[in-house]
Amino acid sequence: MANPLFDSLFGQHSGRDTPFLLLPEGHIITHAGFLKVTARYANVFGVLGLSPGDRVAVQVEKSPDALALYAACMQAGLVFLPLNTGYMPAEVDYFVSNSSARLLICDPAKAEGLTPVAKAAGAQLETMDLSGKGSLRDRGAKQPDSFETVARSSNDLAAFLYTSGTTGRSKGAMLSQDNLLSNAETLRTHWGFTDQDVLLHALPIFHTHGLFVACNVMLLVGGPMIWMPKLDVDQLVRFMPQATALMGVPTFYTRLLDHPEFTRDLTQHMRLFISGSAPLLAETHRNFQERTGHRILERYGMTETNMNTSNPLKGARRAGTVGLPLPGVELKVCDPDTGATLPDGEIGVIEVRGRNVFQGYWQMPEKTAAELRDDGFFITGDLGVIDDQGYVQIVGRGKDLIISGGYNIYPKEVESLLDDQPGVLESAVIGVPHADLGEAPLAVLVPAPGAKVDVEAINSVLRDQLARFKCPRKLELVDALPRNTMGKVQKNMLRDTYAAAFAD
């Protein structure tokens, strides 16, 4: 019995000394060399007593070894659970305990704070730093560089990705081998990737975009990636002459446009610029095309589905839209109350169906039933409209989702923490336009009667308990929040009021 995902992405490159990861300092890791590291880690997982289907939670900095952990989990039949490196121990605690992870891998600098987290969840703790060094590599050095791939089926789970909700705790989206592989195969063809492409990879790999889109597509075709630890615009400019494609969030493109060396000549050999994870402003589209002659390709995906739509590789790329449904993906716009399909041109909730759609939420049958219909359509919560050409436009987000620099922020999580602070009666967190991040979180606080709110103390608590990207950039004090006749907070009014809060 085969292991479809590992065989297609990694196993096909066994013994190939072709370039895979091109590191900024000049070192080249071949496919064969990468697979030897992968096998060592897969063997370590066996030594640690992990069995197929067990969850492995990973909160480590981006490195070649970090990517090898993903490959090793696939080879050993384990479920990979990547965690944002900005998460604080209190956040990690929930993910590890809820997933019943058997192993937590973290940076050595975070081991002290995460040791009690792992202990409470009954998980083992191992470490890996930015260079790949740590207790896990030490264990791997003692293991053979070959491993017999564990048999798995296309329906077996490959990964968990946690997506927060506006109420309650985060939900673990269960992604199968077929969910990930089918989407990568579609994108390879739809975007025209081949082994002749070289991808500039500056995205994080704890996120769908950087891991399941960028890496999976390049692994499928066998082309190399210029492997950058993080977004560094100087490095993007420096290595762009060696690349053919770039996948990024809108922040990548706004910062490139601010770089004096980013010119038409620099991009003349580039084949494709792709943007996602957050809306790209029409102004950025125009400025980019004027500067380079290239038109950015924008697409739309979600944690639960990977990619759903894309502007075409050949054909009109329409600014302000996320393109057409991908081959194999059915998309419709529905009435939010009745679920009835709406005609083109009318705004409603986007629903999608296809092999890319996840299996449900881990141990949350009620949430799964509420968002995943019996006929396989997933209710995204995003508001959209289909135009007369079939292009999809996202016009709003259900659940008040904020996307800042490509990262999802769910206001309820931040509001719950704010409401617990001394002197705070209630709060509302909104997304406000931000030139660099697309939008940034801003919190509006109502003091309790007669109370004095200590803004600095609250900011300190937020920094201690939330990932940095979730922390509001500003805290505003008001006498009362605007409400409708039903008593619901009118966040649209708050967004209008503070629309220029980050204009400077």
Protein backbone atom coordinates (compact mmCIF):
# COMPACT_ATOMS: atom_id res chain seq x y z
CA MET A 1 0.00 0.00 0.00
CA ALA A 2 1.32 3.43 -0.91
CA ASN A 3 1.51 6.75 0.86
CA PRO A 4 0.04 9.09 -1.80
CA LEU A 5 1.11 12.43 -0.35
CA PHE A 6 4.65 11.45 0.62
CA ASP A 7 5.21 9.48 -2.59
CA SER A 8 4.04 12.34 -4.81
CA LEU A 9 5.75 15.22 -3.01
CA PHE A 10 8.90 13.66 -1.57
CA GLY A 11 9.38 10.01 -2.52
CA GLN A 12 9.57 10.72 -6.24
CA HIS A 13 12.83 12.60 -5.61
CA SER A 14 14.63 9.73 -3.88
CA GLY A 15 18.25 9.56 -5.02
CA ARG A 16 18.00 12.77 -7.04
CA ASP A 17 20.93 15.13 -6.51
CA THR A 18 18.96 17.99 -8.03
CA PRO A 19 18.86 21.37 -6.23
CA PHE A 20 15.95 21.70 -3.83
CA LEU A 21 16.64 24.44 -1.27
CA LEU A 22 18.94 27.33 -2.22
CA LEU A 23 19.97 29.06 0.98
CA PRO A 24 20.83 32.80 1.13
CA GLU A 25 24.37 32.11 2.35
CA GLY A 26 25.04 30.05 -0.79
CA HIS A 27 24.56 26.49 0.48
CA ILE A 28 22.47 24.14 -1.69
CA ILE A 29 20.46 21.25 -0.29
CA THR A 30 19.59 18.59 -2.85
CA HIS A 31 16.43 16.54 -2.93
CA ALA A 32 18.41 13.43 -1.96
CA GLY A 33 20.17 15.21 0.88
CA PHE A 34 16.88 16.57 2.18
CA LEU A 35 15.31 13.10 2.16
CA LYS A 36 18.16 11.69 4.23
CA VAL A 37 17.48 14.30 6.92
CA THR A 38 13.78 13.50 6.64
CA ALA A 39 14.42 9.78 7.19
CA ARG A 40 16.47 10.48 10.31
CA TYR A 41 13.62 12.45 11.83
CA ALA A 42 11.08 9.79 10.83
CA ASN A 43 13.24 7.25 12.66
CA VAL A 44 13.37 9.51 15.71
CA PHE A 45 9.59 9.63 15.78
CA GLY A 46 9.58 5.84 15.94
CA VAL A 47 12.11 5.81 18.76
CA LEU A 48 9.89 8.26 20.67
CA GLY A 49 7.04 5.78 20.38
CA LEU A 50 4.82 7.68 17.96
CA SER A 51 2.34 5.69 15.88
CA PRO A 52 0.54 6.49 12.61
CA GLY A 53 -2.24 9.00 13.24
CA ASP A 54 -0.55 10.61 16.25
CA ARG A 55 -0.34 14.40 16.20
CA VAL A 56 2.98 16.27 16.20
CA ALA A 57 2.76 19.95 17.20
CA VAL A 58 5.59 22.08 15.78
CA GLN A 59 6.43 25.64 16.81
CA VAL A 60 9.88 26.27 15.36
CA GLU A 61 11.50 28.92 13.21
CA LYS A 62 11.62 28.40 9.46
CA SER A 63 14.61 26.32 8.37
CA PRO A 64 15.37 23.39 6.07
CA ASP A 65 15.12 21.08 9.09
CA ALA A 66 11.72 22.54 9.98
CA LEU A 67 10.48 21.60 6.51
CA ALA A 68 11.99 18.14 6.99
CA LEU A 69 9.75 17.71 10.05
CA TYR A 70 6.74 18.06 7.76
CA ALA A 71 8.17 15.50 5.36
CA ALA A 72 9.07 13.12 8.21
CA CYS A 73 5.53 13.29 9.59
CA MET A 74 4.18 12.39 6.16
CA GLN A 75 6.66 9.52 5.80
CA ALA A 76 5.86 8.15 9.27
CA GLY A 77 2.09 8.54 8.83
CA LEU A 78 1.78 11.20 11.53
CA VAL A 79 -0.51 14.24 11.57
CA PHE A 80 1.45 17.48 11.23
CA LEU A 81 0.30 20.43 13.35
CA PRO A 82 2.26 23.63 12.55
CA LEU A 83 1.90 26.49 15.01
CA ASN A 84 2.56 30.19 14.48
CA THR A 85 5.95 31.02 15.99
CA GLY A 86 4.43 34.13 17.56
CA TYR A 87 2.02 32.21 19.77
CA MET A 88 2.56 32.55 23.50
CA PRO A 89 2.58 29.52 25.86
CA ALA A 90 -1.03 30.12 26.88
CA GLU A 91 -2.06 29.88 23.23
CA VAL A 92 0.11 26.84 22.49
CA ASP A 93 -1.35 25.12 25.56
CA TYR A 94 -4.78 24.93 23.98
CA PHE A 95 -3.56 23.58 20.63
CA VAL A 96 -1.41 20.87 22.19
CA SER A 97 -4.03 19.74 24.69
CA ASN A 98 -6.98 19.94 22.31
CA SER A 99 -5.19 17.96 19.58
CA SER A 100 -3.87 15.41 22.12
CA ALA A 101 -0.48 15.86 20.49
CA ARG A 102 2.03 13.19 21.48
CA LEU A 103 5.00 15.41 20.70
CA LEU A 104 5.67 19.16 20.89
CA ILE A 105 8.72 20.54 19.10
CA CYS A 106 9.77 24.08 19.96
CA ASP A 107 12.69 26.49 19.88
CA PRO A 108 15.17 25.86 22.72
CA ALA A 109 14.60 29.43 23.90
CA LYS A 110 10.93 28.60 24.51
CA ALA A 111 11.47 25.22 26.13
CA GLU A 112 11.27 26.49 29.68
CA GLY A 113 7.91 28.15 29.12
CA LEU A 114 6.52 25.20 27.15
CA THR A 115 7.74 22.37 29.38
CA PRO A 116 4.71 22.66 31.70
CA VAL A 117 2.45 22.90 28.63
CA ALA A 118 3.78 19.62 27.25
CA LYS A 119 3.67 17.95 30.66
CA ALA A 120 0.06 18.95 31.27
CA ALA A 121 -0.96 17.57 27.87
CA GLY A 122 1.02 14.36 28.28
CA ALA A 123 3.23 15.24 25.32
CA GLN A 124 6.96 14.78 24.92
CA LEU A 125 9.04 17.93 24.32
CA GLU A 126 11.92 18.23 21.86
CA THR A 127 13.72 21.30 20.53
CA MET A 128 14.94 22.78 17.24
CA ASP A 129 16.37 26.26 16.64
CA LEU A 130 16.63 28.50 13.57
CA SER A 131 19.65 26.56 12.30
CA GLY A 132 17.97 23.20 12.91
CA LYS A 133 20.07 22.42 15.98
CA GLY A 134 18.47 21.08 19.13
CA SER A 135 17.60 17.87 20.91
CA LEU A 136 15.74 16.48 17.89
CA ARG A 137 18.74 16.84 15.57
CA ASP A 138 20.96 15.29 18.26
CA ARG A 139 18.64 12.30 18.33
CA GLY A 140 18.54 12.18 14.54
CA ALA A 141 22.32 12.04 14.26
CA LYS A 142 22.16 8.57 15.81
CA GLN A 143 19.56 7.30 13.35
CA PRO A 144 19.93 5.81 9.85
CA ASP A 145 19.28 8.01 6.83
CA SER A 146 16.72 5.65 5.34
CA PHE A 147 13.20 4.83 6.52
CA GLU A 148 10.49 2.52 5.25
CA THR A 149 7.58 4.80 4.39
CA VAL A 150 4.42 4.02 6.33
CA ALA A 151 1.45 3.06 4.19
CA ARG A 152 -1.43 5.53 4.25
CA SER A 153 -4.55 6.06 2.18
CA SER A 154 -5.75 9.21 0.47
CA ASN A 155 -8.45 9.61 3.14
CA ASP A 156 -6.05 9.46 6.08
CA LEU A 157 -5.41 12.72 7.91
CA ALA A 158 -2.18 14.50 7.04
CA ALA A 159 -2.43 17.77 8.98
CA PHE A 160 -4.34 19.85 11.47
CA LEU A 161 -4.54 23.61 11.08
CA TYR A 162 -6.27 25.55 13.82
CA THR A 163 -8.63 28.34 12.83
CA SER A 164 -10.17 30.51 15.50
CA GLY A 165 -13.86 31.29 15.71
CA THR A 166 -15.69 34.38 16.83
CA THR A 167 -17.16 32.44 19.72
CA GLY A 168 -15.62 29.63 21.70
CA ARG A 169 -12.17 28.15 21.20
CA SER A 170 -10.10 27.54 18.10
CA LYS A 171 -11.15 24.76 15.76
CA GLY A 172 -8.77 22.13 14.41
CA ALA A 173 -9.40 21.78 10.68
CA MET A 174 -8.62 18.19 9.67
CA LEU A 175 -6.92 17.96 6.28
CA SER A 176 -6.51 14.63 4.52
CA GLN A 177 -3.81 13.48 2.16
CA ASP A 178 -6.18 13.93 -0.75
CA ASN A 179 -7.20 17.44 0.38
CA LEU A 180 -3.57 18.56 0.15
CA LEU A 181 -2.45 16.55 -2.86
CA SER A 182 -5.43 17.31 -5.09
CA ASN A 183 -5.07 21.05 -4.49
CA ALA A 184 -1.33 21.00 -5.24
CA GLU A 185 -1.96 19.10 -8.47
CA THR A 186 -4.60 21.61 -9.54
CA LEU A 187 -2.38 24.62 -8.78
CA ARG A 188 0.61 23.09 -10.57
CA THR A 189 -1.39 22.88 -13.77
CA HIS A 190 -3.43 26.06 -13.34
CA TRP A 191 -0.38 28.23 -12.65
CA GLY A 192 1.90 26.46 -15.14
CA PHE A 193 4.65 25.38 -12.74
CA THR A 194 7.40 23.03 -14.00
CA ASP A 195 10.80 21.86 -12.80
CA GLN A 196 12.25 24.85 -14.64
CA ASP A 197 10.70 27.25 -12.14
CA VAL A 198 12.63 28.68 -9.21
CA LEU A 199 10.41 29.97 -6.41
CA LEU A 200 11.39 32.81 -4.11
CA HIS A 201 10.11 31.47 -0.79
CA ALA A 202 9.90 34.12 1.95
CA LEU A 203 6.60 33.00 3.50
CA PRO A 204 6.28 31.31 6.90
CA ILE A 205 5.67 27.56 6.79
CA PHE A 206 3.19 27.35 9.67
CA HIS A 207 0.50 28.64 7.32
CA THR A 208 -1.43 27.15 4.40
CA HIS A 209 0.09 29.64 1.95
CA GLY A 210 3.75 29.00 2.65
CA LEU A 211 3.53 25.25 3.27
CA PHE A 212 0.61 23.62 1.50
CA VAL A 213 0.58 25.95 -1.49
CA ALA A 214 4.15 27.08 -2.12
CA CYS A 215 6.11 24.05 -0.89
CA ASN A 216 3.70 21.39 -2.11
CA VAL A 217 3.55 22.82 -5.63
CA MET A 218 7.33 23.04 -5.92
CA LEU A 219 7.81 19.55 -4.47
CA LEU A 220 5.31 18.21 -6.96
CA VAL A 221 7.17 19.64 -9.97
CA GLY A 222 10.69 19.15 -8.60
CA GLY A 223 11.90 22.73 -8.99
CA PRO A 224 14.12 24.51 -6.44
CA MET A 225 13.16 27.15 -3.89
CA ILE A 226 15.28 30.06 -2.73
CA TRP A 227 14.70 29.47 0.97
CA MET A 228 14.54 32.72 2.94
CA PRO A 229 13.96 32.51 6.72
CA LYS A 230 11.58 35.48 6.63
CA LEU A 231 10.51 38.46 4.55
CA ASP A 232 13.56 40.59 3.84
CA VAL A 233 12.91 42.95 0.94
CA ASP A 234 16.61 43.54 0.32
CA GLN A 235 17.04 39.79 -0.08
CA LEU A 236 13.99 39.53 -2.33
CA VAL A 237 15.54 42.12 -4.61
CA ARG A 238 18.96 40.48 -4.39
CA PHE A 239 17.77 36.98 -5.35
CA MET A 240 15.01 37.90 -7.79
CA PRO A 241 17.34 37.59 -10.83
CA GLN A 242 17.73 33.89 -9.94
CA ALA A 243 13.98 33.23 -9.64
CA THR A 244 11.00 32.83 -11.93
CA ALA A 245 8.11 33.09 -9.44
CA LEU A 246 7.15 34.70 -6.15
CA MET A 247 4.26 33.87 -3.85
CA GLY A 248 3.50 36.51 -1.24
CA VAL A 249 0.96 38.44 0.76
CA PRO A 250 0.10 42.04 -0.21
CA THR A 251 2.75 43.32 2.23
CA PHE A 252 5.43 41.76 0.01
CA TYR A 253 4.30 43.84 -2.93
CA THR A 254 3.81 47.14 -1.10
CA ARG A 255 7.31 46.84 0.35
CA LEU A 256 8.85 45.91 -2.98
CA LEU A 257 7.25 48.99 -4.51
CA ASP A 258 8.92 51.08 -1.80
CA HIS A 259 12.36 49.65 -2.65
CA PRO A 260 14.45 51.90 -4.92
CA GLU A 261 16.12 48.94 -6.66
CA PHE A 262 12.86 47.23 -7.57
CA THR A 263 12.67 48.01 -11.28
CA ARG A 264 11.26 46.68 -14.53
CA ASP A 265 14.69 45.35 -15.49
CA LEU A 266 14.93 43.40 -12.23
CA THR A 267 11.67 41.56 -12.96
CA GLN A 268 11.99 41.04 -16.71
CA HIS A 269 12.77 37.31 -16.43
CA MET A 270 10.09 36.62 -13.76
CA ARG A 271 7.23 34.44 -14.95
CA LEU A 272 4.67 34.93 -12.21
CA PHE A 273 3.84 37.01 -9.14
CA ILE A 274 1.06 35.55 -6.96
CA SER A 275 -0.68 37.25 -4.03
CA GLY A 276 -3.06 35.90 -1.44
CA SER A 277 -3.98 35.54 2.24
CA ALA A 278 -5.34 39.10 2.29
CA PRO A 279 -7.02 41.49 -0.18
CA LEU A 280 -4.69 43.28 -2.58
CA LEU A 281 -5.57 46.93 -3.09
CA ALA A 282 -6.40 47.95 -6.65
CA GLU A 283 -3.84 50.74 -6.25
CA THR A 284 -1.12 48.16 -5.54
CA HIS A 285 -2.19 46.25 -8.67
CA ARG A 286 -1.89 49.38 -10.79
CA ASN A 287 1.39 50.58 -9.32
CA PHE A 288 2.97 47.15 -9.67
CA GLN A 289 1.99 46.82 -13.30
CA GLU A 290 3.20 50.33 -14.10
CA ARG A 291 6.54 49.67 -12.40
CA THR A 292 7.24 46.17 -13.73
CA GLY A 293 4.91 45.36 -16.60
CA HIS A 294 3.69 42.34 -14.62
CA ARG A 295 0.12 41.91 -13.46
CA ILE A 296 -0.10 40.22 -10.07
CA LEU A 297 -2.21 37.05 -9.98
CA GLU A 298 -4.58 37.12 -7.00
CA ARG A 299 -6.31 34.06 -5.59
CA TYR A 300 -8.55 33.05 -2.69
CA GLY A 301 -8.16 30.25 -0.19
CA MET A 302 -8.88 29.28 3.39
CA THR A 303 -7.42 27.15 6.14
CA GLU A 304 -10.24 24.62 5.67
CA THR A 305 -9.99 24.42 1.90
CA ASN A 306 -6.57 25.52 0.66
CA MET A 307 -7.15 27.33 -2.66
CA ASN A 308 -10.65 27.84 -4.07
CA THR A 309 -10.33 30.41 -6.85
CA SER A 310 -7.64 32.08 -8.90
CA ASN A 311 -7.26 34.67 -11.58
CA PRO A 312 -6.08 32.93 -14.76
CA LEU A 313 -2.49 32.38 -15.81
CA LYS A 314 -3.49 33.26 -19.35
CA GLY A 315 -6.37 35.67 -19.60
CA ALA A 316 -7.67 38.69 -17.78
CA ARG A 317 -6.45 39.18 -14.22
CA ARG A 318 -9.04 41.50 -12.82
CA ALA A 319 -8.03 43.79 -9.97
CA GLY A 320 -10.43 43.63 -7.06
CA THR A 321 -11.41 40.04 -7.80
CA VAL A 322 -9.97 36.67 -6.75
CA GLY A 323 -10.66 35.16 -10.14
CA LEU A 324 -12.62 32.09 -11.16
CA PRO A 325 -13.27 28.82 -9.31
CA LEU A 326 -10.35 26.44 -9.75
CA PRO A 327 -10.89 23.26 -11.78
CA GLY A 328 -12.58 20.71 -9.55
CA VAL A 329 -13.92 23.35 -7.17
CA GLU A 330 -17.62 24.22 -7.16
CA LEU A 331 -18.44 27.67 -5.81
CA LYS A 332 -21.78 29.33 -5.25
CA VAL A 333 -23.09 32.42 -3.49
CA CYS A 334 -25.98 31.73 -1.14
CA ASP A 335 -28.58 33.52 0.92
CA PRO A 336 -27.17 33.49 4.48
CA ASP A 337 -30.58 32.80 6.01
CA THR A 338 -32.08 30.21 3.68
CA GLY A 339 -29.00 28.71 2.02
CA ALA A 340 -30.63 29.18 -1.40
CA THR A 341 -28.26 29.81 -4.29
CA LEU A 342 -28.36 33.43 -5.43
CA PRO A 343 -28.11 34.60 -9.05
CA ASP A 344 -24.88 36.17 -10.28
CA GLY A 345 -24.57 39.78 -9.28
CA GLU A 346 -26.14 39.35 -5.85
CA ILE A 347 -24.12 39.40 -2.64
CA GLY A 348 -24.28 36.42 -0.32
CA VAL A 349 -22.20 33.88 1.58
CA ILE A 350 -19.66 31.91 -0.45
CA GLU A 351 -19.92 28.11 -0.28
CA VAL A 352 -17.43 25.73 -1.89
CA ARG A 353 -17.22 22.01 -2.60
CA GLY A 354 -14.40 19.85 -3.93
CA ARG A 355 -11.61 17.44 -3.07
CA ASN A 356 -9.81 20.36 -1.43
CA VAL A 357 -12.45 20.81 1.29
CA PHE A 358 -11.40 19.60 4.73
CA GLN A 359 -12.82 16.63 6.68
CA GLY A 360 -14.33 18.60 9.54
CA TYR A 361 -13.27 20.10 12.87
CA TRP A 362 -11.41 17.91 15.34
CA GLN A 363 -13.72 16.70 18.10
CA MET A 364 -16.30 19.40 17.25
CA PRO A 365 -19.19 17.61 15.51
CA GLU A 366 -21.57 20.48 16.16
CA LYS A 367 -19.25 23.04 14.56
CA THR A 368 -18.64 20.67 11.65
CA ALA A 369 -22.36 20.17 11.10
CA ALA A 370 -22.98 23.91 11.26
CA GLU A 371 -20.41 24.78 8.58
CA LEU A 372 -20.09 21.65 6.42
CA ARG A 373 -23.33 20.70 4.68
CA ASP A 374 -24.42 17.11 4.10
CA ASP A 375 -23.91 17.59 0.34
CA GLY A 376 -20.25 18.54 0.89
CA PHE A 377 -20.52 22.31 0.50
CA PHE A 378 -18.52 24.28 3.07
CA ILE A 379 -20.02 27.55 4.30
CA THR A 380 -17.00 29.85 4.24
CA GLY A 381 -18.55 32.79 6.07
CA ASP A 382 -17.06 35.14 3.48
CA LEU A 383 -19.40 37.48 1.64
CA GLY A 384 -18.98 37.57 -2.10
CA VAL A 385 -20.50 38.20 -5.48
CA ILE A 386 -20.00 36.58 -8.88
CA ASP A 387 -19.88 39.03 -11.78
CA ASP A 388 -21.15 38.58 -15.33
CA GLN A 389 -17.80 37.08 -16.37
CA GLY A 390 -17.82 34.50 -13.59
CA TYR A 391 -15.13 36.26 -11.54
CA VAL A 392 -15.52 36.17 -7.75
CA GLN A 393 -15.19 39.28 -5.63
CA ILE A 394 -14.88 39.14 -1.85
CA VAL A 395 -16.92 42.03 -0.50
CA GLY A 396 -16.89 41.30 3.20
CA ARG A 397 -16.02 38.78 5.82
CA GLY A 398 -18.34 36.92 8.06
CA LYS A 399 -17.35 36.61 11.67
CA ASP A 400 -15.55 39.98 11.66
CA LEU A 401 -12.30 38.35 10.62
CA ILE A 402 -9.28 40.69 10.46
CA ILE A 403 -6.40 39.82 8.12
CA SER A 404 -3.25 41.71 9.05
CA GLY A 405 -0.10 41.09 7.06
CA GLY A 406 -1.60 37.81 5.87
CA TYR A 407 -2.37 36.52 9.39
CA ASN A 408 -5.90 35.89 10.60
CA ILE A 409 -7.06 37.67 13.74
CA TYR A 410 -10.41 36.75 15.27
CA PRO A 411 -11.67 39.71 17.34
CA LYS A 412 -13.52 37.58 19.88
CA GLU A 413 -10.27 36.10 21.18
CA VAL A 414 -8.77 39.54 21.78
CA GLU A 415 -12.03 40.97 23.13
CA SER A 416 -12.35 38.18 25.69
CA LEU A 417 -8.95 39.06 27.09
CA LEU A 418 -9.67 42.80 27.05
CA ASP A 419 -13.01 42.36 28.82
CA ASP A 420 -11.22 40.61 31.69
CA GLN A 421 -8.93 43.57 32.37
CA PRO A 422 -9.47 45.83 35.41
CA GLY A 423 -11.73 48.78 34.69
CA VAL A 424 -12.97 47.51 31.31
CA LEU A 425 -16.72 47.15 30.95
CA GLU A 426 -16.66 45.90 27.34
CA SER A 427 -14.60 46.09 24.18
CA ALA A 428 -14.75 45.81 20.42
CA VAL A 429 -11.81 44.94 18.17
CA ILE A 430 -11.93 45.98 14.52
CA GLY A 431 -9.67 45.95 11.49
CA VAL A 432 -8.57 49.38 10.27
CA PRO A 433 -6.81 50.12 6.93
CA HIS A 434 -3.02 50.04 7.24
CA ALA A 435 -0.68 50.94 4.38
CA ASP A 436 1.79 48.13 5.01
CA LEU A 437 -0.30 45.36 6.60
CA GLY A 438 -3.52 45.83 4.64
CA GLU A 439 -5.36 46.28 7.91
CA ALA A 440 -4.36 46.27 11.55
CA PRO A 441 -6.33 45.58 14.74
CA LEU A 442 -7.62 48.48 16.82
CA ALA A 443 -9.46 48.06 20.13
CA VAL A 444 -12.25 50.29 21.39
CA LEU A 445 -12.75 50.08 25.17
CA VAL A 446 -15.62 51.21 27.36
CA PRO A 447 -14.55 51.85 30.98
CA ALA A 448 -16.74 50.49 33.77
CA PRO A 449 -18.69 53.22 35.65
CA GLY A 450 -16.31 55.21 37.81
CA ALA A 451 -13.29 53.14 36.75
CA LYS A 452 -10.00 54.30 35.29
CA VAL A 453 -8.50 52.17 32.53
CA ASP A 454 -4.72 51.70 32.60
CA VAL A 455 -3.91 51.43 28.89
CA GLU A 456 -0.22 50.64 29.43
CA ALA A 457 -1.03 47.84 31.85
CA ILE A 458 -3.51 46.36 29.38
CA ASN A 459 -0.97 46.53 26.56
CA SER A 460 1.49 44.68 28.78
CA VAL A 461 -1.03 41.89 29.43
CA LEU A 462 -1.81 41.61 25.73
CA ARG A 463 1.86 41.29 24.84
CA ASP A 464 2.31 38.57 27.46
CA GLN A 465 -0.66 36.47 26.41
CA LEU A 466 -1.16 37.02 22.68
CA ALA A 467 0.99 36.63 19.61
CA ARG A 468 2.31 40.03 18.62
CA PHE A 469 0.33 40.21 15.37
CA LYS A 470 -2.92 39.88 17.34
CA CYS A 471 -2.19 42.79 19.66
CA PRO A 472 -4.16 45.96 18.81
CA ARG A 473 -2.00 48.75 17.46
CA LYS A 474 -4.14 51.27 19.35
CA LEU A 475 -6.52 51.25 22.30
CA GLU A 476 -9.27 53.86 22.11
CA LEU A 477 -11.50 54.79 25.08
CA VAL A 478 -15.16 55.68 24.48
CA ASP A 479 -18.24 56.18 26.66
CA ALA A 480 -20.30 53.57 24.82
CA LEU A 481 -20.19 51.29 21.77
CA PRO A 482 -22.64 51.98 18.94
CA ARG A 483 -25.45 49.41 18.83
CA ASN A 484 -28.45 48.64 16.65
CA THR A 485 -32.01 48.23 17.88
CA MET A 486 -31.29 44.60 18.75
CA GLY A 487 -28.36 45.62 20.92
CA LYS A 488 -25.67 44.30 18.57
CA VAL A 489 -22.43 46.29 18.39
CA GLN A 490 -22.22 48.10 15.06
CA LYS A 491 -18.64 47.42 14.09
CA ASN A 492 -19.19 48.93 10.68
CA MET A 493 -19.74 52.29 12.39
CA LEU A 494 -16.56 51.85 14.42
CA ARG A 495 -14.63 51.03 11.25
CA ASP A 496 -15.92 54.24 9.68
CA THR A 497 -15.03 56.27 12.76
CA TYR A 498 -11.46 55.00 12.95
CA ALA A 499 -10.82 54.48 9.25
CA ALA A 500 -7.92 56.97 9.30
CA ALA A 501 -6.44 55.85 12.64
CA PHE A 502 -3.28 54.50 10.97
CA ALA A 503 -3.14 56.99 8.12
CA ASP A 504 0.03 58.53 9.46
